[in-house]
N, C-alpha and C. Protein backbone atom coordinates (compact mmCIF):
# COMPACT_ATOMS: atom_id res chain seq x y z
N MET A 1 19.46 -37.98 14.60
CA MET A 1 19.00 -37.07 16.01
C MET A 1 18.36 -35.69 14.58
N LEU A 2 17.25 -36.14 15.75
CA LEU A 2 16.15 -35.38 14.79
C LEU A 2 16.47 -33.88 15.36
N LEU A 3 16.50 -33.39 16.83
CA LEU A 3 16.92 -32.08 17.41
C LEU A 3 17.99 -31.47 16.95
N GLY A 4 19.25 -32.03 15.97
CA GLY A 4 20.25 -31.65 15.22
C GLY A 4 19.76 -30.97 14.31
N HIS A 5 18.91 -31.35 13.20
CA HIS A 5 18.56 -30.97 12.17
C HIS A 5 17.26 -29.69 12.52
N LEU A 6 16.84 -29.68 13.19
CA LEU A 6 15.56 -28.78 13.27
C LEU A 6 16.06 -27.46 14.24
N SER A 7 17.81 -27.84 15.21
CA SER A 7 18.18 -26.34 15.47
C SER A 7 19.20 -25.35 14.31
N ARG A 8 18.92 -26.44 12.78
CA ARG A 8 20.00 -25.03 12.19
C ARG A 8 19.42 -23.60 11.68
N LYS A 9 19.48 -22.88 11.68
CA LYS A 9 19.69 -21.28 11.84
C LYS A 9 18.31 -21.45 10.37
N VAL A 10 17.38 -20.49 10.59
CA VAL A 10 16.45 -20.49 9.59
C VAL A 10 17.67 -19.11 8.68
N GLY A 11 17.30 -19.30 7.38
CA GLY A 11 17.85 -18.68 6.43
C GLY A 11 16.33 -17.52 6.18
N TRP A 12 16.95 -16.48 5.19
CA TRP A 12 16.32 -15.71 4.24
C TRP A 12 15.71 -16.56 3.48
N ALA A 13 15.84 -17.58 2.54
CA ALA A 13 14.84 -17.96 1.83
C ALA A 13 14.04 -18.99 2.90
N ASP A 14 14.23 -19.43 3.92
CA ASP A 14 12.96 -20.39 4.14
C ASP A 14 12.27 -19.14 4.86
N LEU A 15 12.30 -18.37 5.27
CA LEU A 15 11.01 -17.42 5.50
C LEU A 15 10.77 -16.95 4.67
N GLN A 16 10.95 -16.87 2.98
CA GLN A 16 10.18 -16.36 1.93
C GLN A 16 9.19 -18.10 2.11
N VAL A 17 9.68 -18.90 1.94
CA VAL A 17 8.82 -20.06 1.86
C VAL A 17 7.32 -19.66 2.78
N ILE A 18 8.13 -19.47 3.95
CA ILE A 18 7.06 -19.74 5.20
C ILE A 18 5.91 -18.87 5.12
N ARG A 19 6.61 -17.54 4.10
CA ARG A 19 5.35 -16.13 4.47
C ARG A 19 4.56 -16.41 2.88
N VAL A 20 5.27 -17.11 1.98
CA VAL A 20 4.06 -17.42 0.67
C VAL A 20 3.02 -18.82 1.30
N VAL A 21 3.30 -19.13 2.16
CA VAL A 21 2.63 -20.71 2.45
C VAL A 21 1.57 -20.31 3.16
N ILE A 22 1.56 -19.13 4.35
CA ILE A 22 0.75 -18.09 5.16
C ILE A 22 -0.33 -17.99 4.43
N VAL A 23 0.54 -17.25 3.30
CA VAL A 23 -0.36 -16.01 2.51
C VAL A 23 -1.15 -16.87 1.58
N LEU A 24 -1.12 -17.94 1.09
CA LEU A 24 -1.68 -18.87 0.61
C LEU A 24 -2.63 -19.81 1.10
N LEU A 25 -2.29 -19.88 2.29
CA LEU A 25 -3.96 -20.35 3.40
C LEU A 25 -4.80 -19.38 3.95
N ILE A 26 -4.18 -17.93 4.08
CA ILE A 26 -5.27 -17.24 4.39
C ILE A 26 -6.11 -17.06 3.23
N PHE A 27 -5.45 -16.16 2.34
CA PHE A 27 -6.48 -15.72 0.99
C PHE A 27 -6.83 -16.44 0.08
N GLY A 28 -5.90 -17.63 -0.37
CA GLY A 28 -6.35 -19.33 -1.33
C GLY A 28 -5.47 -18.39 -2.67
N PRO A 29 -5.41 -19.64 -3.28
CA PRO A 29 -4.89 -19.60 -4.42
C PRO A 29 -5.51 -18.53 -5.61
N GLY A 30 -7.01 -18.24 -5.77
CA GLY A 30 -7.82 -17.56 -6.79
C GLY A 30 -7.59 -16.29 -6.18
N ARG A 31 -7.34 -15.35 -5.09
CA ARG A 31 -7.60 -14.26 -4.84
C ARG A 31 -5.90 -13.37 -4.81
N LEU A 32 -4.76 -14.26 -4.43
CA LEU A 32 -3.55 -13.58 -4.71
C LEU A 32 -3.35 -13.50 -6.29
N PRO A 33 -3.37 -13.72 -7.34
CA PRO A 33 -3.46 -12.58 -8.50
C PRO A 33 -3.78 -11.47 -8.49
N GLU A 34 -5.23 -11.39 -7.82
CA GLU A 34 -5.97 -9.95 -8.06
C GLU A 34 -5.20 -8.95 -6.97
N MET A 35 -4.87 -9.83 -5.74
CA MET A 35 -3.98 -8.93 -4.40
C MET A 35 -2.79 -8.49 -5.43
N MET A 36 -2.31 -9.12 -5.96
CA MET A 36 -0.76 -8.57 -6.52
C MET A 36 -1.30 -7.87 -7.42
N GLY A 37 -2.06 -7.50 -8.06
CA GLY A 37 -2.20 -6.35 -9.43
C GLY A 37 -2.60 -5.09 -8.53
N HIS A 38 -3.54 -5.32 -7.61
CA HIS A 38 -3.78 -4.32 -6.69
C HIS A 38 -2.67 -3.62 -6.10
N LEU A 39 -1.55 -4.63 -5.85
CA LEU A 39 -0.41 -4.13 -5.05
C LEU A 39 0.76 -3.31 -5.72
N GLY A 40 0.24 -4.00 -7.44
CA GLY A 40 1.37 -3.45 -8.00
C GLY A 40 0.62 -1.86 -8.71
N LYS A 41 -0.20 -1.96 -9.07
CA LYS A 41 -0.88 -0.62 -9.09
C LYS A 41 -0.40 0.41 -8.08
N GLY A 42 -1.04 -0.28 -7.29
CA GLY A 42 -1.10 1.38 -5.74
C GLY A 42 0.89 1.51 -6.36
N LEU A 43 2.06 0.64 -6.14
CA LEU A 43 3.05 0.86 -6.25
C LEU A 43 3.51 1.83 -7.45
N GLN A 44 2.96 1.73 -8.57
CA GLN A 44 3.24 2.04 -10.02
C GLN A 44 2.08 3.73 -9.58
N GLU A 45 1.17 3.89 -8.96
CA GLU A 45 0.75 5.11 -8.29
C GLU A 45 1.91 5.92 -7.61
N PHE A 46 2.23 5.29 -6.61
CA PHE A 46 3.06 5.63 -5.40
C PHE A 46 4.45 6.80 -5.98
N LYS A 47 4.77 5.57 -7.19
CA LYS A 47 5.76 6.08 -7.80
C LYS A 47 6.06 7.14 -8.85
N LYS A 48 4.67 7.11 -9.58
CA LYS A 48 4.38 8.26 -10.61
C LYS A 48 4.13 9.35 -9.31
N GLY A 49 3.58 9.15 -8.36
CA GLY A 49 3.36 10.92 -7.18
C GLY A 49 4.70 11.07 -6.69
N LEU A 50 5.91 10.34 -6.68
CA LEU A 50 6.90 10.54 -6.44
C LEU A 50 8.01 11.59 -7.60
N ARG A 51 7.25 11.35 -8.83
CA ARG A 51 8.23 12.10 -9.88
C ARG A 51 7.21 13.01 -10.69
N GLU A 52 6.31 13.09 -10.05
CA GLU A 52 5.27 14.48 -10.74
C GLU A 52 5.52 15.42 -9.54
N PRO A 53 5.50 16.74 -9.83
CA PRO A 53 5.68 17.61 -8.92
C PRO A 53 4.17 18.00 -8.55
N PRO A 54 3.89 18.43 -7.02
CA PRO A 54 2.63 18.41 -6.58
C PRO A 54 1.88 19.81 -7.38
N GLU A 55 0.53 19.43 -7.64
CA GLU A 55 -0.41 20.18 -8.25
C GLU A 55 -0.99 21.37 -6.99
N VAL A 56 -0.85 22.29 -7.62
CA VAL A 56 -1.47 23.52 -6.40
C VAL A 56 -2.43 24.08 -7.08
N ASP A 57 -3.60 24.25 -6.65
CA ASP A 57 -4.91 24.95 -6.76
C ASP A 57 -4.43 26.39 -7.04
N ALA A 58 -5.21 26.84 -8.23
CA ALA A 58 -5.05 28.38 -8.29
C ALA A 58 -6.42 28.63 -7.69
N PRO A 59 -5.49 30.05 -6.46
CA PRO A 59 -6.86 30.84 -6.15
C PRO A 59 -8.41 31.36 -6.88
N ALA A 60 -9.15 31.62 -6.22
CA ALA A 60 -10.61 31.58 -7.20
C ALA A 60 -10.21 33.35 -6.72
N LYS A 61 -10.86 33.70 -8.45
CA LYS A 61 -10.91 35.70 -8.65
C LYS A 61 -11.60 35.42 -8.10
N ASN A 62 -12.75 35.30 -7.45
CA ASN A 62 -14.24 36.03 -6.76
C ASN A 62 -13.93 34.93 -5.61
N PRO A 63 -13.06 34.93 -4.42
CA PRO A 63 -13.51 34.29 -3.51
C PRO A 63 -14.77 34.17 -2.79
N THR A 64 -15.67 33.28 -2.29
CA THR A 64 -16.28 33.85 -1.64
C THR A 64 -16.33 34.15 0.05
N PRO A 65 -16.66 34.83 0.70
CA PRO A 65 -16.50 34.28 2.32
C PRO A 65 -17.26 33.57 2.94
N PRO A 66 -16.78 33.04 3.80
CA PRO A 66 -17.08 31.86 4.60
C PRO A 66 -18.48 32.13 5.39
N ALA A 67 -19.36 30.85 5.48
CA ALA A 67 -20.41 31.45 5.93
C ALA A 67 -20.36 32.50 7.65
N GLU A 68 -19.60 32.55 8.48
CA GLU A 68 -19.49 33.22 9.57
C GLU A 68 -19.03 34.87 9.37
N ALA A 69 -18.55 34.93 8.22
CA ALA A 69 -18.04 36.32 8.26
C ALA A 69 -19.01 37.10 7.12
N LYS A 70 -20.44 36.75 7.20
CA LYS A 70 -20.87 37.44 6.57
C LYS A 70 -22.15 38.09 7.46
N ARG A 71 -22.36 39.79 7.10
CA ARG A 71 -23.32 39.98 8.20
C ARG A 71 -25.15 40.16 7.61
N GLU A 72 -25.48 39.43 8.75
CA GLU A 72 -27.00 39.30 8.38
C GLU A 72 -27.88 41.15 8.63
N THR A 73 -28.27 41.57 7.26
CA THR A 73 -28.81 42.54 7.72
C THR A 73 -30.20 42.87 7.42
């Protein structure tokens, strides 16, 4: 019974294997390590951004007015 074998439920591991095969077919084995490296660096930067407080720019001592606010003499 061929249909009995095909009708089983697809598990988590099966989906992971299918994803890996699709990624390899689309991008190829040569580019995959480069992509994973960029993904890892991006995750590191994201986590770093979550840990550090936001940088607030100090206001300028002598701010220049916008061009629209300047009066012509």
